[in-house]
Amino acid sequence: MNFDDDDDDDSYMDWDGFDEDYDPEEARREMEAENRRINNLPILRKAKELMELTQAIVDTFNKEDDVLMMHEQMLANAMMLAPKIVGAEGGDLYTLRMENAVIIKMHARELLAQTSYCKAEKLANPAYLNLLRDEIEQFRVLFVDWVNSFDKDNDAPDDWGLFY
């Protein structure tokens, strides 16, 4: 295999002065500010609360009765929410944000459905499951507001035909 650089065309980049104005301290401050912004998002805080609540609930399961290992499935769904929110915020492009949003919705809805299974199989106290359902509903409301804040004009079409 020959990796020849002769056909690389980077003439579109203006490399002169590329790092001229770079201030590493300013970049660090900007990154810290962005991390604070993301960590303070209501939807991210709620996702973390859902994870903690789910963990507390599945810890009450009688493992012998949990033949489908619902505790693991519920934790997996709850664990996916926060990282996908952070990924959507970091990506910033509309399509990337929407892709993450769809994944978040799927995991949250599956977690909601799992509460019904747990109630039917008597794996957890129904009051705990109702609390989790209420928290998922609060998450859903925050989710709708969050998705509505996405900038549809900030995008690079990916030719897959979604979200347009």
Protein backbone atom coordinates (compact mmCIF):
# COMPACT_ATOMS: atom_id res chain seq x y z
CA MET A 1 0.00 0.00 0.00
CA ASN A 2 1.36 3.39 -0.94
CA PHE A 3 0.35 6.44 1.05
CA ASP A 4 1.47 9.12 -1.33
CA ASP A 5 0.94 12.70 -0.22
CA ASP A 6 1.26 14.07 -3.75
CA ASP A 7 -2.50 14.15 -4.23
CA ASP A 8 -3.28 15.89 -0.94
CA ASP A 9 -4.66 19.33 -1.63
CA ASP A 10 -4.75 21.56 1.39
CA SER A 11 -4.48 24.75 -0.60
CA TYR A 12 -7.89 25.80 0.72
CA MET A 13 -6.35 26.28 4.18
CA ASP A 14 -4.62 29.51 5.04
CA TRP A 15 -1.84 28.16 7.21
CA ASP A 16 -0.07 31.51 7.51
CA GLY A 17 -0.71 32.90 10.96
CA PHE A 18 -2.86 29.93 11.94
CA ASP A 19 -1.51 29.85 15.51
CA GLU A 20 -0.60 33.50 15.64
CA ASP A 21 -3.46 34.56 17.91
CA TYR A 22 -3.70 31.36 19.91
CA ASP A 23 -3.69 31.95 23.65
CA PRO A 24 -3.64 28.66 25.57
CA GLU A 25 -4.84 30.32 28.76
CA GLU A 26 -7.80 31.86 26.97
CA ALA A 27 -8.58 28.50 25.36
CA ARG A 28 -8.49 26.83 28.79
CA ARG A 29 -10.86 29.45 30.22
CA GLU A 30 -13.25 29.01 27.29
CA MET A 31 -13.24 25.23 27.73
CA GLU A 32 -13.89 25.55 31.46
CA ALA A 33 -16.75 27.97 30.81
CA GLU A 34 -18.26 25.59 28.26
CA ASN A 35 -17.96 22.67 30.68
CA ARG A 36 -19.71 24.72 33.38
CA ARG A 37 -22.47 25.66 30.94
CA ILE A 38 -23.06 22.04 29.96
CA ASN A 39 -22.90 20.76 33.55
CA ASN A 40 -25.49 23.34 34.59
CA LEU A 41 -28.01 22.38 31.92
CA PRO A 42 -31.28 21.38 33.64
CA ILE A 43 -31.64 18.38 31.35
CA LEU A 44 -28.18 17.09 32.24
CA ARG A 45 -28.80 17.55 35.95
CA LYS A 46 -32.10 15.66 35.58
CA ALA A 47 -30.38 12.86 33.63
CA LYS A 48 -27.90 12.45 36.48
CA GLU A 49 -30.77 12.37 38.97
CA LEU A 50 -32.50 9.67 36.89
CA MET A 51 -29.32 7.62 36.96
CA GLU A 52 -29.03 7.90 40.74
CA LEU A 53 -32.71 7.11 41.27
CA THR A 54 -32.59 4.14 38.91
CA GLN A 55 -29.52 2.81 40.74
CA ALA A 56 -31.29 3.15 44.09
CA ILE A 57 -34.39 1.36 42.80
CA VAL A 58 -32.61 -1.56 41.15
CA ASP A 59 -30.57 -2.03 44.33
CA THR A 60 -33.86 -3.03 46.01
CA PHE A 61 -34.59 -5.80 43.49
CA ASN A 62 -34.52 -9.38 44.67
CA LYS A 63 -31.91 -10.69 42.22
CA GLU A 64 -33.44 -14.17 42.22
CA ASP A 65 -36.76 -12.75 40.97
CA ASP A 66 -35.04 -10.66 38.31
CA VAL A 67 -34.81 -13.45 35.73
CA LEU A 68 -34.52 -11.05 32.78
CA MET A 69 -31.79 -9.06 34.55
CA MET A 70 -33.98 -5.97 34.38
CA HIS A 71 -31.69 -4.20 36.83
CA GLU A 72 -28.90 -4.24 34.24
CA GLN A 73 -31.16 -3.17 31.41
CA MET A 74 -32.58 -0.28 33.41
CA LEU A 75 -29.13 0.88 34.47
CA ALA A 76 -27.90 0.68 30.89
CA ASN A 77 -30.76 2.90 29.73
CA ALA A 78 -30.30 5.39 32.54
CA MET A 79 -26.55 5.50 31.97
CA MET A 80 -26.94 6.50 28.33
CA LEU A 81 -28.81 9.75 28.97
CA ALA A 82 -26.11 12.04 30.34
CA PRO A 83 -23.31 11.09 27.91
CA LYS A 84 -25.59 11.59 24.92
CA ILE A 85 -26.63 15.02 26.21
CA VAL A 86 -22.99 15.99 26.58
CA GLY A 87 -22.28 14.61 23.11
CA ALA A 88 -25.11 16.63 21.61
CA GLU A 89 -23.86 19.79 23.30
CA GLY A 90 -20.29 19.19 22.21
CA GLY A 91 -21.22 18.46 18.60
CA ASP A 92 -23.32 21.61 18.18
CA LEU A 93 -24.33 20.75 14.60
CA TYR A 94 -28.08 20.27 14.28
CA THR A 95 -27.87 16.80 12.74
CA LEU A 96 -25.47 15.53 15.41
CA ARG A 97 -27.61 16.99 18.15
CA MET A 98 -30.75 15.41 16.72
CA GLU A 99 -29.06 12.02 16.36
CA ASN A 100 -28.15 12.13 20.04
CA ALA A 101 -31.65 13.36 20.92
CA VAL A 102 -33.23 10.35 19.20
CA ILE A 103 -30.98 7.98 21.13
CA ILE A 104 -31.82 9.78 24.39
CA LYS A 105 -35.54 9.53 23.67
CA MET A 106 -35.28 5.81 22.95
CA HIS A 107 -33.42 5.07 26.19
CA ALA A 108 -35.75 7.23 28.29
CA ARG A 109 -38.84 5.61 26.80
CA GLU A 110 -37.41 2.15 27.30
CA LEU A 111 -36.65 2.99 30.93
CA LEU A 112 -40.23 4.16 31.31
CA ALA A 113 -41.56 0.91 29.83
CA GLN A 114 -39.31 -1.08 32.14
CA THR A 115 -41.01 0.48 35.15
CA SER A 116 -44.27 -1.12 34.01
CA TYR A 117 -42.58 -4.51 33.71
CA CYS A 118 -41.06 -4.12 37.16
CA LYS A 119 -44.44 -3.22 38.61
CA ALA A 120 -46.11 -6.23 36.95
CA GLU A 121 -43.37 -8.59 38.15
CA LYS A 122 -43.28 -7.00 41.62
CA LEU A 123 -39.54 -6.37 41.37
CA ALA A 124 -39.70 -3.07 43.24
CA ASN A 125 -41.96 -1.05 45.46
CA PRO A 126 -44.64 0.52 43.22
CA ALA A 127 -44.13 3.88 44.96
CA TYR A 128 -40.46 3.86 43.91
CA LEU A 129 -41.41 3.01 40.35
CA ASN A 130 -44.03 5.77 40.29
CA LEU A 131 -41.39 8.21 41.50
CA LEU A 132 -39.10 7.15 38.66
CA ARG A 133 -41.96 7.53 36.18
CA ASP A 134 -42.64 11.06 37.48
CA GLU A 135 -38.94 11.94 37.15
CA ILE A 136 -38.89 10.59 33.59
CA GLU A 137 -41.87 12.81 32.79
CA GLN A 138 -40.00 15.83 34.16
CA PHE A 139 -37.03 14.78 32.03
CA ARG A 140 -39.31 14.57 28.98
CA VAL A 141 -40.51 18.15 29.50
CA LEU A 142 -36.93 19.39 29.81
CA PHE A 143 -36.01 17.31 26.76
CA VAL A 144 -38.68 18.97 24.60
CA ASP A 145 -37.44 22.44 25.60
CA TRP A 146 -33.83 21.40 25.02
CA VAL A 147 -34.51 19.98 21.53
CA ASN A 148 -36.49 23.09 20.61
CA SER A 149 -33.39 25.16 21.42
CA PHE A 150 -31.32 23.46 18.69
CA ASP A 151 -30.27 25.80 15.89
CA LYS A 152 -31.49 24.21 12.65
CA ASP A 153 -29.39 26.62 10.62
CA ASN A 154 -26.15 25.45 12.25
CA ASP A 155 -25.65 22.25 10.30
CA ALA A 156 -23.71 20.44 7.65
CA PRO A 157 -26.00 18.17 5.62
CA ASP A 158 -24.91 14.54 5.77
CA ASP A 159 -26.87 13.32 2.71
CA TRP A 160 -28.83 10.77 4.76
CA GLY A 161 -32.03 12.79 4.49
CA LEU A 162 -32.90 12.91 8.19
CA PHE A 163 -33.97 15.98 10.17
CA TYR A 164 -34.62 18.17 7.12
